[in-house]
Protein backbone atom coordinates (compact mmCIF):
# COMPACT_ATOMS: atom_id res chain seq x y z
CA UNK A 1 0.00 0.00 0.00
CA UNK A 2 1.32 3.44 -0.86
CA UNK A 3 1.86 6.20 1.67
CA UNK A 4 -1.03 8.20 0.16
CA UNK A 5 -3.43 5.27 0.47
CA UNK A 6 -2.36 4.72 4.09
CA UNK A 7 -2.82 8.41 4.92
CA UNK A 8 -6.22 8.37 3.21
CA UNK A 9 -7.28 5.29 5.17
CA UNK A 10 -6.34 7.01 8.45
CA UNK A 11 -8.17 10.16 7.39
CA UNK A 12 -11.24 8.12 6.47
CA UNK A 13 -11.17 6.36 9.83
CA UNK A 14 -10.89 9.70 11.65
CA UNK A 15 -13.68 11.19 9.53
CA UNK A 16 -16.01 8.28 10.23
CA UNK A 17 -15.26 8.40 13.97
CA UNK A 18 -16.11 12.11 14.03
CA UNK A 19 -19.26 11.52 11.96
CA UNK A 20 -20.48 8.79 14.32
CA UNK A 21 -19.90 11.11 17.27
CA UNK A 22 -21.84 13.92 15.55
CA UNK A 23 -24.67 11.50 14.73
CA UNK A 24 -24.85 10.41 18.38
CA UNK A 25 -24.96 14.03 19.57
CA UNK A 26 -27.73 14.84 17.07
CA UNK A 27 -29.77 11.84 18.24
CA UNK A 28 -29.42 12.94 21.86
CA UNK A 29 -30.42 16.52 20.99
CA UNK A 30 -33.43 15.31 19.01
CA UNK A 31 -34.57 13.19 21.96
CA UNK A 32 -34.07 16.10 24.36
CA UNK A 33 -36.06 18.39 22.06
CA UNK A 34 -38.85 15.80 21.76
CA UNK A 35 -39.01 15.88 25.56
CA UNK A 36 -39.27 19.70 25.45
CA UNK A 37 -35.78 19.96 26.95
CA UNK A 38 -37.01 18.21 30.09
CA UNK A 39 -39.49 20.94 31.01
CA UNK A 40 -43.23 21.22 31.22
CA UNK A 41 -45.26 24.30 30.21
CA UNK A 42 -45.98 25.12 33.86
CA UNK A 43 -42.25 25.18 34.69
CA UNK A 44 -41.01 27.46 31.89
CA UNK A 45 -39.25 30.62 33.04
CA UNK A 46 -36.85 33.09 31.42
CA UNK A 47 -33.86 30.97 32.42
CA UNK A 48 -35.18 28.20 30.18
CA UNK A 49 -35.58 30.70 27.35
CA UNK A 50 -32.00 31.90 27.80
CA UNK A 51 -30.62 28.37 27.83
CA UNK A 52 -32.57 27.38 24.73
CA UNK A 53 -31.47 30.57 22.93
CA UNK A 54 -27.87 29.70 23.80
CA UNK A 55 -28.29 26.22 22.30
CA UNK A 56 -29.96 27.73 19.25
CA UNK A 57 -27.12 30.22 18.71
CA UNK A 58 -24.51 27.46 18.85
CA UNK A 59 -26.49 25.31 16.43
CA UNK A 60 -26.95 28.33 14.13
CA UNK A 61 -23.15 28.71 13.99
CA UNK A 62 -22.85 25.09 12.94
CA UNK A 63 -25.63 25.15 10.36
CA UNK A 64 -24.47 28.46 8.91
CA UNK A 65 -20.98 27.01 8.49
CA UNK A 66 -22.20 23.68 7.09
CA UNK A 67 -24.60 25.28 4.59
CA UNK A 68 -22.53 28.43 3.89
CA UNK A 69 -25.23 30.73 5.20
CA UNK A 70 -25.23 33.79 7.46
CA UNK A 71 -21.73 35.07 8.14
CA UNK A 72 -20.34 32.04 6.30
CA UNK A 73 -22.34 32.81 3.16
CA UNK A 74 -20.67 33.59 -0.11
C-alpha atoms as a PDB file:
ATOM      1  CA  UNK A   1       0.000   0.000   0.000  1.00  0.00           C
ATOM      2  CA  UNK A   2       1.321   3.436  -0.864  1.00  0.00           C
ATOM      3  CA  UNK A   3       1.861   6.197   1.675  1.00  0.00           C
ATOM      4  CA  UNK A   4      -1.030   8.204   0.165  1.00  0.00           C
ATOM      5  CA  UNK A   5      -3.430   5.272   0.469  1.00  0.00           C
ATOM      6  CA  UNK A   6      -2.355   4.716   4.093  1.00  0.00           C
ATOM      7  CA  UNK A   7      -2.819   8.410   4.915  1.00  0.00           C
ATOM      8  CA  UNK A   8      -6.219   8.368   3.214  1.00  0.00           C
ATOM      9  CA  UNK A   9      -7.285   5.287   5.172  1.00  0.00           C
ATOM     10  CA  UNK A  10      -6.336   7.010   8.447  1.00  0.00           C
ATOM     11  CA  UNK A  11      -8.171  10.160   7.386  1.00  0.00           C
ATOM     12  CA  UNK A  12     -11.240   8.120   6.468  1.00  0.00           C
ATOM     13  CA  UNK A  13     -11.172   6.359   9.835  1.00  0.00           C
ATOM     14  CA  UNK A  14     -10.891   9.702  11.653  1.00  0.00           C
ATOM     15  CA  UNK A  15     -13.678  11.195   9.529  1.00  0.00           C
ATOM     16  CA  UNK A  16     -16.014   8.285  10.232  1.00  0.00           C
ATOM     17  CA  UNK A  17     -15.258   8.397  13.971  1.00  0.00           C
ATOM     18  CA  UNK A  18     -16.113  12.112  14.029  1.00  0.00           C
ATOM     19  CA  UNK A  19     -19.255  11.518  11.956  1.00  0.00           C
ATOM     20  CA  UNK A  20     -20.482   8.787  14.323  1.00  0.00           C
ATOM     21  CA  UNK A  21     -19.899  11.111  17.271  1.00  0.00           C
ATOM     22  CA  UNK A  22     -21.839  13.918  15.549  1.00  0.00           C
ATOM     23  CA  UNK A  23     -24.666  11.496  14.725  1.00  0.00           C
ATOM     24  CA  UNK A  24     -24.853  10.406  18.378  1.00  0.00           C
ATOM     25  CA  UNK A  25     -24.964  14.026  19.566  1.00  0.00           C
ATOM     26  CA  UNK A  26     -27.732  14.837  17.071  1.00  0.00           C
ATOM     27  CA  UNK A  27     -29.768  11.840  18.240  1.00  0.00           C
ATOM     28  CA  UNK A  28     -29.419  12.945  21.861  1.00  0.00           C
ATOM     29  CA  UNK A  29     -30.419  16.520  20.994  1.00  0.00           C
ATOM     30  CA  UNK A  30     -33.433  15.308  19.005  1.00  0.00           C
ATOM     31  CA  UNK A  31     -34.570  13.189  21.961  1.00  0.00           C
ATOM     32  CA  UNK A  32     -34.071  16.102  24.365  1.00  0.00           C
ATOM     33  CA  UNK A  33     -36.058  18.386  22.064  1.00  0.00           C
ATOM     34  CA  UNK A  34     -38.854  15.804  21.755  1.00  0.00           C
ATOM     35  CA  UNK A  35     -39.012  15.881  25.561  1.00  0.00           C
ATOM     36  CA  UNK A  36     -39.267  19.700  25.454  1.00  0.00           C
ATOM     37  CA  UNK A  37     -35.778  19.958  26.946  1.00  0.00           C
ATOM     38  CA  UNK A  38     -37.014  18.213  30.091  1.00  0.00           C
ATOM     39  CA  UNK A  39     -39.486  20.940  31.013  1.00  0.00           C
ATOM     40  CA  UNK A  40     -43.230  21.223  31.223  1.00  0.00           C
ATOM     41  CA  UNK A  41     -45.264  24.296  30.209  1.00  0.00           C
ATOM     42  CA  UNK A  42     -45.978  25.119  33.858  1.00  0.00           C
ATOM     43  CA  UNK A  43     -42.246  25.184  34.690  1.00  0.00           C
ATOM     44  CA  UNK A  44     -41.014  27.463  31.892  1.00  0.00           C
ATOM     45  CA  UNK A  45     -39.246  30.621  33.040  1.00  0.00           C
ATOM     46  CA  UNK A  46     -36.854  33.092  31.421  1.00  0.00           C
ATOM     47  CA  UNK A  47     -33.863  30.971  32.424  1.00  0.00           C
ATOM     48  CA  UNK A  48     -35.182  28.198  30.177  1.00  0.00           C
ATOM     49  CA  UNK A  49     -35.584  30.699  27.352  1.00  0.00           C
ATOM     50  CA  UNK A  50     -32.000  31.900  27.797  1.00  0.00           C
ATOM     51  CA  UNK A  51     -30.624  28.374  27.835  1.00  0.00           C
ATOM     52  CA  UNK A  52     -32.570  27.384  24.728  1.00  0.00           C
ATOM     53  CA  UNK A  53     -31.470  30.566  22.929  1.00  0.00           C
ATOM     54  CA  UNK A  54     -27.869  29.702  23.799  1.00  0.00           C
ATOM     55  CA  UNK A  55     -28.288  26.220  22.298  1.00  0.00           C
ATOM     56  CA  UNK A  56     -29.958  27.734  19.245  1.00  0.00           C
ATOM     57  CA  UNK A  57     -27.124  30.224  18.714  1.00  0.00           C
ATOM     58  CA  UNK A  58     -24.510  27.456  18.846  1.00  0.00           C
ATOM     59  CA  UNK A  59     -26.493  25.312  16.427  1.00  0.00           C
ATOM     60  CA  UNK A  60     -26.949  28.329  14.130  1.00  0.00           C
ATOM     61  CA  UNK A  61     -23.151  28.714  13.985  1.00  0.00           C
ATOM     62  CA  UNK A  62     -22.853  25.093  12.944  1.00  0.00           C
ATOM     63  CA  UNK A  63     -25.635  25.147  10.359  1.00  0.00           C
ATOM     64  CA  UNK A  64     -24.469  28.465   8.910  1.00  0.00           C
ATOM     65  CA  UNK A  65     -20.980  27.013   8.491  1.00  0.00           C
ATOM     66  CA  UNK A  66     -22.202  23.684   7.092  1.00  0.00           C
ATOM     67  CA  UNK A  67     -24.597  25.284   4.590  1.00  0.00           C
ATOM     68  CA  UNK A  68     -22.533  28.426   3.887  1.00  0.00           C
ATOM     69  CA  UNK A  69     -25.231  30.731   5.203  1.00  0.00           C
ATOM     70  CA  UNK A  70     -25.235  33.793   7.461  1.00  0.00           C
ATOM     71  CA  UNK A  71     -21.728  35.068   8.142  1.00  0.00           C
ATOM     72  CA  UNK A  72     -20.344  32.043   6.300  1.00  0.00           C
ATOM     73  CA  UNK A  73     -22.338  32.808   3.155  1.00  0.00           C
ATOM     74  CA  UNK A  74     -20.666  33.593  -0.108  1.00  0.00           C
END
